[in-house]
Amino acid sequence: MRYLPLAAAIASTLLTGLSATAQQQLPNLKPAPAPAVAPAKPYKAVTVTPPASVKDPGLDALRKQLADAAKAKDKAALGRLVVAKGFFWESEKGESADKNKSGADNLAKALDLDSKDSGGWEALAGYAAEPNASAMPSRKGIVCAPAEPTFNEQALEQAVKATGTDPGEWGYTVAPDVEVRAAAKKDAPVSEKLGQQFVRVMMENDAADPSFLRIVTPSGKVGFIAADALAPLGSDQLCYAKDGAAWKITGFIGASQ
C-alpha cells in the first residue's frame, strides 16, 4: 500500500514492505535472505532531504475543500473535487481504474469509502493536510502527495544489504532531532537523537505502546521512537492536476484499503 498519513498506520505500512512505486524507484533492492528477525547491526546513516512545500493558492483551496469533505464524510462534495474523466489508479496490479465509472467512483473504491472500518476518510483528511507534492515523472502536469524525500538510493541499498534485512523494514524520519528512547514509554530516558535519515524498524515490534516503533539506530543499538516520527518509502499517494483553471484530484497510487 502507499502512505496513510496516520500514526496508527505507520507500523503496518513499514512491515508490509515497499509498494510497487518504491520498488520501481529502487529496482536493485531485492529482499535479502534473512531470519525472521535479523540481529541488530550498525549501518551507515543515509540522510534524506525533505521535499519542498508546494505553494499554489489553487491547490491550497482544493486541499481545504478536501479536508471539509473528509471531515463530513460527504461523497457528493468529494465528487466535485475529482476529475470526471481520465482518473487513474495505479496499484500493484497495474492500472486499476474502471474506465466505465466516474473518477469519484474509482477513488471511493480505491479508498473503500463505503466501508465503515476502512479508514479511507481519515486517509483523505491526511492527504489534505500534506503541505507538499512532487511531480509524477510518468504523467506530465500531475503532482502527487505526500512527496518522497531526496536520498542516495545506492547508499540505502548498501545499508539494507549490510544488515541482512528487507527494504520493507526501513523508513525515514519526518523531522530532525527525533528522540530515541530506552523503552516504549513517553517518559523513558532518551538514549540518542536522530537526524532526518533512514532507520531500520525491527520486524517484530514488541513495543508495549503501539504508538512506538522498535528500531535499530545506525550505531547498532535498539531503541524506540514515536510511530508518527517515521514514514515509509513508497507510501500511497493522492494525485492532482489542473482541470482548466482549477486543481482537481486526478489519480491515486496504491492498493485499496
C-alpha atoms as a PDB file:
ATOM      1  CA  MET A   1       0.000   0.000   0.000  1.00  0.00           C
ATOM      2  CA  ARG A   2       1.058   3.589  -0.181  1.00  0.00           C
ATOM      3  CA  TYR A   3       1.092   6.133   2.570  1.00  0.00           C
ATOM      4  CA  LEU A   4      -1.734   6.620   5.035  1.00  0.00           C
ATOM      5  CA  PRO A   5      -0.680   9.722   6.952  1.00  0.00           C
ATOM      6  CA  LEU A   6      -1.922   8.318  10.236  1.00  0.00           C
ATOM      7  CA  ALA A   7       0.330   7.318  13.125  1.00  0.00           C
ATOM      8  CA  ALA A   8      -1.575   4.074  13.611  1.00  0.00           C
ATOM      9  CA  ALA A   9      -0.855   3.003  10.031  1.00  0.00           C
ATOM     10  CA  ILE A  10       2.889   3.671  10.073  1.00  0.00           C
ATOM     11  CA  ALA A  11       3.937   0.378  11.666  1.00  0.00           C
ATOM     12  CA  SER A  12       1.819  -1.856   9.444  1.00  0.00           C
ATOM     13  CA  THR A  13       2.863   0.085   6.354  1.00  0.00           C
ATOM     14  CA  LEU A  14       6.556  -0.362   7.107  1.00  0.00           C
ATOM     15  CA  LEU A  15       6.307  -4.026   7.944  1.00  0.00           C
ATOM     16  CA  THR A  16       4.219  -4.842   4.876  1.00  0.00           C
ATOM     17  CA  GLY A  17       7.094  -3.836   2.597  1.00  0.00           C
ATOM     18  CA  LEU A  18       7.590  -1.344  -0.202  1.00  0.00           C
ATOM     19  CA  SER A  19       4.826  -0.615  -2.685  1.00  0.00           C
ATOM     20  CA  ALA A  20       5.198  -1.147  -6.407  1.00  0.00           C
ATOM     21  CA  THR A  21       6.107   2.517  -6.755  1.00  0.00           C
ATOM     22  CA  ALA A  22       9.030   2.232  -4.369  1.00  0.00           C
ATOM     23  CA  GLN A  23      10.240  -0.988  -5.937  1.00  0.00           C
ATOM     24  CA  GLN A  24      10.383   0.851  -9.269  1.00  0.00           C
ATOM     25  CA  GLN A  25      12.385   3.630  -7.642  1.00  0.00           C
ATOM     26  CA  LEU A  26      14.888   1.154  -6.204  1.00  0.00           C
ATOM     27  CA  PRO A  27      14.975  -1.694  -8.744  1.00  0.00           C
ATOM     28  CA  ASN A  28      18.144  -3.224  -7.303  1.00  0.00           C
ATOM     29  CA  LEU A  29      16.687  -3.624  -3.836  1.00  0.00           C
ATOM     30  CA  LYS A  30      15.514  -7.206  -3.517  1.00  0.00           C
ATOM     31  CA  PRO A  31      14.528  -8.903  -0.261  1.00  0.00           C
ATOM     32  CA  ALA A  32      17.634 -10.459   1.274  1.00  0.00           C
ATOM     33  CA  PRO A  33      17.570 -13.977   2.715  1.00  0.00           C
ATOM     34  CA  ALA A  34      17.300 -13.392   6.436  1.00  0.00           C
ATOM     35  CA  PRO A  35      15.919 -14.966   9.578  1.00  0.00           C
ATOM     36  CA  ALA A  36      12.518 -13.895  10.904  1.00  0.00           C
ATOM     37  CA  VAL A  37      14.257 -11.062  12.712  1.00  0.00           C
ATOM     38  CA  ALA A  38      17.753 -10.129  11.594  1.00  0.00           C
ATOM     39  CA  PRO A  39      20.070  -9.279  14.506  1.00  0.00           C
ATOM     40  CA  ALA A  40      20.744  -5.617  15.217  1.00  0.00           C
ATOM     41  CA  LYS A  41      23.797  -4.408  13.319  1.00  0.00           C
ATOM     42  CA  PRO A  42      25.329  -0.979  12.824  1.00  0.00           C
ATOM     43  CA  TYR A  43      24.957   0.636   9.425  1.00  0.00           C
ATOM     44  CA  LYS A  44      25.997   3.813   7.686  1.00  0.00           C
ATOM     45  CA  ALA A  45      23.373   6.534   8.104  1.00  0.00           C
ATOM     46  CA  VAL A  46      21.558   7.521   4.916  1.00  0.00           C
ATOM     47  CA  THR A  47      20.338  11.100   5.146  1.00  0.00           C
ATOM     48  CA  VAL A  48      17.201  12.434   3.469  1.00  0.00           C
ATOM     49  CA  THR A  49      16.340  15.889   2.190  1.00  0.00           C
ATOM     50  CA  PRO A  50      12.669  16.672   2.836  1.00  0.00           C
ATOM     51  CA  PRO A  51      10.566  17.706  -0.163  1.00  0.00           C
ATOM     52  CA  ALA A  52       9.819  21.386  -0.545  1.00  0.00           C
ATOM     53  CA  SER A  53       6.324  22.662   0.125  1.00  0.00           C
ATOM     54  CA  VAL A  54       4.213  23.401  -2.931  1.00  0.00           C
ATOM     55  CA  LYS A  55       2.899  26.937  -2.709  1.00  0.00           C
ATOM     56  CA  ASP A  56      -0.090  27.293  -5.005  1.00  0.00           C
ATOM     57  CA  PRO A  57      -3.250  29.077  -3.819  1.00  0.00           C
ATOM     58  CA  GLY A  58      -5.424  26.949  -6.071  1.00  0.00           C
ATOM     59  CA  LEU A  59      -4.037  23.689  -4.712  1.00  0.00           C
ATOM     60  CA  ASP A  60      -4.337  25.006  -1.161  1.00  0.00           C
ATOM     61  CA  ALA A  61      -8.001  25.811  -1.828  1.00  0.00           C
ATOM     62  CA  LEU A  62      -8.606  22.293  -3.155  1.00  0.00           C
ATOM     63  CA  ARG A  63      -6.983  20.763  -0.088  1.00  0.00           C
ATOM     64  CA  LYS A  64      -9.184  22.903   2.174  1.00  0.00           C
ATOM     65  CA  GLN A  65     -12.276  21.624   0.362  1.00  0.00           C
ATOM     66  CA  LEU A  66     -10.947  18.076   0.575  1.00  0.00           C
ATOM     67  CA  ALA A  67     -10.423  18.429   4.317  1.00  0.00           C
ATOM     68  CA  ASP A  68     -14.016  19.667   4.736  1.00  0.00           C
ATOM     69  CA  ALA A  69     -15.419  16.811   2.638  1.00  0.00           C
ATOM     70  CA  ALA A  70     -13.373  14.230   4.529  1.00  0.00           C
ATOM     71  CA  LYS A  71     -14.444  15.581   7.912  1.00  0.00           C
ATOM     72  CA  ALA A  72     -18.106  15.440   6.908  1.00  0.00           C
ATOM     73  CA  LYS A  73     -17.669  12.144   5.018  1.00  0.00           C
ATOM     74  CA  ASP A  74     -19.514  13.843   2.172  1.00  0.00           C
ATOM     75  CA  LYS A  75     -19.205  11.824  -1.040  1.00  0.00           C
ATOM     76  CA  ALA A  76     -21.101  14.386  -3.088  1.00  0.00           C
ATOM     77  CA  ALA A  77     -18.709  17.159  -2.045  1.00  0.00           C
ATOM     78  CA  LEU A  78     -15.756  14.869  -2.708  1.00  0.00           C
ATOM     79  CA  GLY A  79     -17.101  14.040  -6.150  1.00  0.00           C
ATOM     80  CA  ARG A  80     -16.970  17.698  -7.145  1.00  0.00           C
ATOM     81  CA  LEU A  81     -13.231  17.722  -6.417  1.00  0.00           C
ATOM     82  CA  VAL A  82     -12.390  14.765  -8.665  1.00  0.00           C
ATOM     83  CA  VAL A  83     -11.938  14.838 -12.448  1.00  0.00           C
ATOM     84  CA  ALA A  84     -14.921  13.411 -14.278  1.00  0.00           C
ATOM     85  CA  LYS A  85     -12.747  11.644 -16.874  1.00  0.00           C
ATOM     86  CA  GLY A  86      -9.185  10.435 -17.022  1.00  0.00           C
ATOM     87  CA  PHE A  87      -8.868   9.365 -13.397  1.00  0.00           C
ATOM     88  CA  PHE A  88      -6.082   6.812 -12.897  1.00  0.00           C
ATOM     89  CA  TRP A  89      -5.440   4.298 -10.146  1.00  0.00           C
ATOM     90  CA  GLU A  90      -2.011   2.683 -10.106  1.00  0.00           C
ATOM     91  CA  SER A  91      -1.930  -0.358  -7.841  1.00  0.00           C
ATOM     92  CA  GLU A  92       0.343  -3.390  -7.538  1.00  0.00           C
ATOM     93  CA  LYS A  93      -1.742  -4.963 -10.302  1.00  0.00           C
ATOM     94  CA  GLY A  94      -1.195  -2.059 -12.679  1.00  0.00           C
ATOM     95  CA  GLU A  95      -3.914   0.324 -13.838  1.00  0.00           C
ATOM     96  CA  SER A  96      -6.970  -0.490 -11.726  1.00  0.00           C
ATOM     97  CA  ALA A  97      -9.381   2.324 -12.575  1.00  0.00           C
ATOM     98  CA  ASP A  98     -12.636   1.299 -14.232  1.00  0.00           C
ATOM     99  CA  LYS A  99     -12.926   3.494 -17.315  1.00  0.00           C
ATOM    100  CA  ASN A 100     -16.688   2.979 -17.320  1.00  0.00           C
ATOM    101  CA  LYS A 101     -17.017   4.661 -13.922  1.00  0.00           C
ATOM    102  CA  SER A 102     -16.502   8.236 -12.816  1.00  0.00           C
ATOM    103  CA  GLY A 103     -13.325   9.435 -11.192  1.00  0.00           C
ATOM    104  CA  ALA A 104     -15.186   9.859  -7.920  1.00  0.00           C
ATOM    105  CA  ASP A 105     -16.438   6.265  -8.008  1.00  0.00           C
ATOM    106  CA  ASN A 106     -12.942   4.968  -8.701  1.00  0.00           C
ATOM    107  CA  LEU A 107     -11.479   6.989  -5.824  1.00  0.00           C
ATOM    108  CA  ALA A 108     -14.220   5.744  -3.497  1.00  0.00           C
ATOM    109  CA  LYS A 109     -13.358   2.165  -4.454  1.00  0.00           C
ATOM    110  CA  ALA A 110      -9.613   2.730  -4.072  1.00  0.00           C
ATOM    111  CA  LEU A 111     -10.108   4.046  -0.535  1.00  0.00           C
ATOM    112  CA  ASP A 112     -13.079   1.787   0.256  1.00  0.00           C
ATOM    113  CA  LEU A 113     -15.081   4.801   1.388  1.00  0.00           C
ATOM    114  CA  ASP A 114     -18.303   2.806   1.660  1.00  0.00           C
ATOM    115  CA  SER A 115     -16.856   0.620   4.414  1.00  0.00           C
ATOM    116  CA  LYS A 116     -17.174   1.892   7.985  1.00  0.00           C
ATOM    117  CA  ASP A 117     -13.845   0.479   9.107  1.00  0.00           C
ATOM    118  CA  SER A 118     -11.668   1.156   6.053  1.00  0.00           C
ATOM    119  CA  GLY A 119     -10.050   4.347   7.304  1.00  0.00           C
ATOM    120  CA  GLY A 120     -10.485   5.874   3.866  1.00  0.00           C
ATOM    121  CA  TRP A 121     -11.968   9.156   5.051  1.00  0.00           C
ATOM    122  CA  GLU A 122      -9.213   9.516   7.613  1.00  0.00           C
ATOM    123  CA  ALA A 123      -6.677   8.888   4.858  1.00  0.00           C
ATOM    124  CA  LEU A 124      -8.232  11.654   2.753  1.00  0.00           C
ATOM    125  CA  ALA A 125      -8.001  14.024   5.719  1.00  0.00           C
ATOM    126  CA  GLY A 126      -4.328  13.142   5.971  1.00  0.00           C
ATOM    127  CA  TYR A 127      -3.723  13.850   2.287  1.00  0.00           C
ATOM    128  CA  ALA A 128      -5.491  17.178   2.653  1.00  0.00           C
ATOM    129  CA  ALA A 129      -3.088  18.131   5.438  1.00  0.00           C
ATOM    130  CA  GLU A 130       0.017  17.349   3.357  1.00  0.00           C
ATOM    131  CA  PRO A 131       1.889  20.611   2.549  1.00  0.00           C
ATOM    132  CA  ASN A 132       3.988  19.167  -0.257  1.00  0.00           C
ATOM    133  CA  ALA A 133       3.708  17.340  -3.555  1.00  0.00           C
ATOM    134  CA  SER A 134       6.100  16.190  -6.237  1.00  0.00           C
ATOM    135  CA  ALA A 135       5.844  15.862  -9.991  1.00  0.00           C
ATOM    136  CA  MET A 136       4.917  12.444 -11.336  1.00  0.00           C
ATOM    137  CA  PRO A 137       7.629  11.538 -13.879  1.00  0.00           C
ATOM    138  CA  SER A 138       5.392   9.264 -15.952  1.00  0.00           C
ATOM    139  CA  ARG A 139       2.474  11.719 -16.254  1.00  0.00           C
ATOM    140  CA  LYS A 140       3.038  15.300 -17.353  1.00  0.00           C
ATOM    141  CA  GLY A 141       1.364  18.049 -15.351  1.00  0.00           C
ATOM    142  CA  ILE A 142       0.456  15.833 -12.405  1.00  0.00           C
ATOM    143  CA  VAL A 143       1.744  16.178  -8.852  1.00  0.00           C
ATOM    144  CA  CYS A 144       1.271  13.650  -6.075  1.00  0.00           C
ATOM    145  CA  ALA A 145       1.371  13.873  -2.294  1.00  0.00           C
ATOM    146  CA  PRO A 146       2.941  13.120   0.017  1.00  0.00           C
ATOM    147  CA  ALA A 147       6.166  13.744  -1.874  1.00  0.00           C
ATOM    148  CA  GLU A 148       9.105  11.435  -1.384  1.00  0.00           C
ATOM    149  CA  PRO A 149      12.334  12.849   0.055  1.00  0.00           C
ATOM    150  CA  THR A 150      15.586  13.054  -1.891  1.00  0.00           C
ATOM    151  CA  PHE A 151      18.210  10.493  -0.894  1.00  0.00           C
ATOM    152  CA  ASN A 152      21.105   8.402  -2.181  1.00  0.00           C
ATOM    153  CA  GLU A 153      19.480   5.224  -3.472  1.00  0.00           C
ATOM    154  CA  GLN A 154      22.763   3.320  -3.678  1.00  0.00           C
ATOM    155  CA  ALA A 155      23.606   4.167  -0.075  1.00  0.00           C
ATOM    156  CA  LEU A 156      20.229   2.830   1.061  1.00  0.00           C
ATOM    157  CA  GLU A 157      20.772  -0.365  -0.929  1.00  0.00           C
ATOM    158  CA  GLN A 158      24.103  -0.832   0.804  1.00  0.00           C
ATOM    159  CA  ALA A 159      22.578  -0.302   4.255  1.00  0.00           C
ATOM    160  CA  VAL A 160      19.858  -2.860   3.548  1.00  0.00           C
ATOM    161  CA  LYS A 161      22.355  -5.444   2.306  1.00  0.00           C
ATOM    162  CA  ALA A 162      24.871  -4.783   5.079  1.00  0.00           C
ATOM    163  CA  THR A 163      22.245  -5.503   7.743  1.00  0.00           C
ATOM    164  CA  GLY A 164      20.770  -8.558   6.010  1.00  0.00           C
ATOM    165  CA  THR A 165      17.325  -7.002   6.093  1.00  0.00           C
ATOM    166  CA  ASP A 166      14.415  -6.396   3.734  1.00  0.00           C
ATOM    167  CA  PRO A 167      13.815  -2.934   2.215  1.00  0.00           C
ATOM    168  CA  GLY A 168      10.340  -3.002   3.725  1.00  0.00           C
ATOM    169  CA  GLU A 169      11.909  -2.782   7.182  1.00  0.00           C
ATOM    170  CA  TRP A 170      13.128   0.763   6.570  1.00  0.00           C
ATOM    171  CA  GLY A 171      11.501   4.154   6.958  1.00  0.00           C
ATOM    172  CA  TYR A 172      12.709   7.721   7.181  1.00  0.00           C
ATOM    173  CA  THR A 173      12.322  10.266   9.935  1.00  0.00           C
ATOM    174  CA  VAL A 174       9.997  13.149   9.092  1.00  0.00           C
ATOM    175  CA  ALA A 175      11.683  15.732  11.315  1.00  0.00           C
ATOM    176  CA  PRO A 176      15.124  16.459  12.784  1.00  0.00           C
ATOM    177  CA  ASP A 177      16.073  15.578  16.370  1.00  0.00           C
ATOM    178  CA  VAL A 178      13.864  12.512  16.692  1.00  0.00           C
ATOM    179  CA  GLU A 179      14.250  11.160  20.220  1.00  0.00           C
ATOM    180  CA  VAL A 180      15.210   7.501  20.643  1.00  0.00           C
ATOM    181  CA  ARG A 181      14.034   6.160  23.990  1.00  0.00           C
ATOM    182  CA  ALA A 182      15.222   3.194  26.026  1.00  0.00           C
ATOM    183  CA  ALA A 183      11.672   1.830  26.303  1.00  0.00           C
ATOM    184  CA  ALA A 184       8.326   2.271  24.590  1.00  0.00           C
ATOM    185  CA  LYS A 185       7.224   4.920  27.050  1.00  0.00           C
ATOM    186  CA  LYS A 186       6.910   8.679  26.677  1.00  0.00           C
ATOM    187  CA  ASP A 187       8.832   9.223  29.898  1.00  0.00           C
ATOM    188  CA  ALA A 188      11.592   6.676  29.182  1.00  0.00           C
ATOM    189  CA  PRO A 189      15.153   8.051  29.086  1.00  0.00           C
ATOM    190  CA  VAL A 190      16.345   9.419  25.745  1.00  0.00           C
ATOM    191  CA  SER A 191      19.386   7.422  24.606  1.00  0.00           C
ATOM    192  CA  GLU A 192      20.151   9.451  21.473  1.00  0.00           C
ATOM    193  CA  LYS A 193      18.628  11.644  18.781  1.00  0.00           C
ATOM    194  CA  LEU A 194      18.311  11.016  15.060  1.00  0.00           C
ATOM    195  CA  GLY A 195      18.537  13.489  12.223  1.00  0.00           C
ATOM    196  CA  GLN A 196      16.480  13.210   9.049  1.00  0.00           C
ATOM    197  CA  GLN A 197      17.603   9.832   7.790  1.00  0.00           C
ATOM    198  CA  PHE A 198      16.587   6.255   7.073  1.00  0.00           C
ATOM    199  CA  VAL A 199      16.105   3.974  10.064  1.00  0.00           C
ATOM    200  CA  ARG A 200      15.665   0.238  10.326  1.00  0.00           C
ATOM    201  CA  VAL A 201      12.481  -0.982  12.038  1.00  0.00           C
ATOM    202  CA  MET A 202      12.628  -4.331  13.806  1.00  0.00           C
ATOM    203  CA  MET A 203      10.221  -6.756  12.144  1.00  0.00           C
ATOM    204  CA  GLU A 204       8.789  -7.888  15.473  1.00  0.00           C
ATOM    205  CA  ASN A 205       7.626  -4.739  17.190  1.00  0.00           C
ATOM    206  CA  ASP A 206       7.368  -5.662  20.867  1.00  0.00           C
ATOM    207  CA  ALA A 207       6.583  -2.122  21.975  1.00  0.00           C
ATOM    208  CA  ALA A 208       4.107  -2.172  24.844  1.00  0.00           C
ATOM    209  CA  ASP A 209       2.661   1.068  23.493  1.00  0.00           C
ATOM    210  CA  PRO A 210       1.577   0.701  19.822  1.00  0.00           C
ATOM    211  CA  SER A 211       2.329   4.374  19.242  1.00  0.00           C
ATOM    212  CA  PHE A 212       6.043   3.450  19.415  1.00  0.00           C
ATOM    213  CA  LEU A 213       8.239   1.547  16.974  1.00  0.00           C
ATOM    214  CA  ARG A 214      11.209  -0.618  17.911  1.00  0.00           C
ATOM    215  CA  ILE A 215      14.128   0.476  15.758  1.00  0.00           C
ATOM    216  CA  VAL A 216      17.862  -0.041  15.245  1.00  0.00           C
ATOM    217  CA  THR A 217      19.940   3.125  15.107  1.00  0.00           C
ATOM    218  CA  PRO A 218      22.991   3.484  12.829  1.00  0.00           C
ATOM    219  CA  SER A 219      25.173   2.686  15.843  1.00  0.00           C
ATOM    220  CA  GLY A 220      23.500  -0.741  16.015  1.00  0.00           C
ATOM    221  CA  LYS A 221      21.617  -0.029  19.226  1.00  0.00           C
ATOM    222  CA  VAL A 222      17.967  -0.969  19.707  1.00  0.00           C
ATOM    223  CA  GLY A 223      15.588   1.732  20.889  1.00  0.00           C
ATOM    224  CA  PHE A 224      12.075   3.093  20.472  1.00  0.00           C
ATOM    225  CA  ILE A 225      10.716   6.111  18.619  1.00  0.00           C
ATOM    226  CA  ALA A 226       7.229   7.528  18.171  1.00  0.00           C
ATOM    227  CA  ALA A 227       5.483   5.816  15.248  1.00  0.00           C
ATOM    228  CA  ASP A 228       4.415   9.121  13.737  1.00  0.00           C
ATOM    229  CA  ALA A 229       8.057  10.239  13.574  1.00  0.00           C
ATOM    230  CA  LEU A 230       8.706   7.765  10.769  1.00  0.00           C
ATOM    231  CA  ALA A 231       7.300   7.469   7.243  1.00  0.00           C
ATOM    232  CA  PRO A 232       7.584   4.505   4.871  1.00  0.00           C
ATOM    233  CA  LEU A 233       9.157   4.856   1.454  1.00  0.00           C
ATOM    234  CA  GLY A 234       6.711   4.278  -1.358  1.00  0.00           C
ATOM    235  CA  SER A 235       3.544   5.029   0.589  1.00  0.00           C
ATOM    236  CA  ASP A 236       0.158   5.678  -1.028  1.00  0.00           C
ATOM    237  CA  GLN A 237      -0.290   8.986  -2.856  1.00  0.00           C
ATOM    238  CA  LEU A 238      -3.163  11.184  -3.928  1.00  0.00           C
ATOM    239  CA  CYS A 239      -2.509  12.982  -7.223  1.00  0.00           C
ATOM    240  CA  TYR A 240      -3.657  16.341  -8.541  1.00  0.00           C
ATOM    241  CA  ALA A 241      -3.715  18.160 -11.883  1.00  0.00           C
ATOM    242  CA  LYS A 242      -5.208  21.337 -13.275  1.00  0.00           C
ATOM    243  CA  ASP A 243      -8.561  20.834 -14.965  1.00  0.00           C
ATOM    244  CA  GLY A 244      -8.892  24.108 -16.817  1.00  0.00           C
ATOM    245  CA  ALA A 245      -8.071  26.825 -14.299  1.00  0.00           C
ATOM    246  CA  ALA A 246      -8.880  24.737 -11.222  1.00  0.00           C
ATOM    247  CA  TRP A 247      -6.997  21.934  -9.478  1.00  0.00           C
ATOM    248  CA  LYS A 248      -8.724  18.553  -9.281  1.00  0.00           C
ATOM    249  CA  ILE A 249      -7.949  15.157  -7.813  1.00  0.00           C
ATOM    250  CA  THR A 250      -6.872  13.131 -10.815  1.00  0.00           C
ATOM    251  CA  GLY A 251      -5.476   9.864  -9.514  1.00  0.00           C
ATOM    252  CA  PHE A 252      -4.430   7.556  -6.718  1.00  0.00           C
ATOM    253  CA  ILE A 253      -1.310   5.398  -6.334  1.00  0.00           C
ATOM    254  CA  GLY A 254      -1.615   2.403  -4.026  1.00  0.00           C
ATOM    255  CA  ALA A 255      -3.684  -0.618  -3.121  1.00  0.00           C
ATOM    256  CA  SER A 256      -7.241  -0.427  -1.872  1.00  0.00           C
ATOM    257  CA  GLN A 257      -7.762  -0.096   1.884  1.00  0.00           C
END
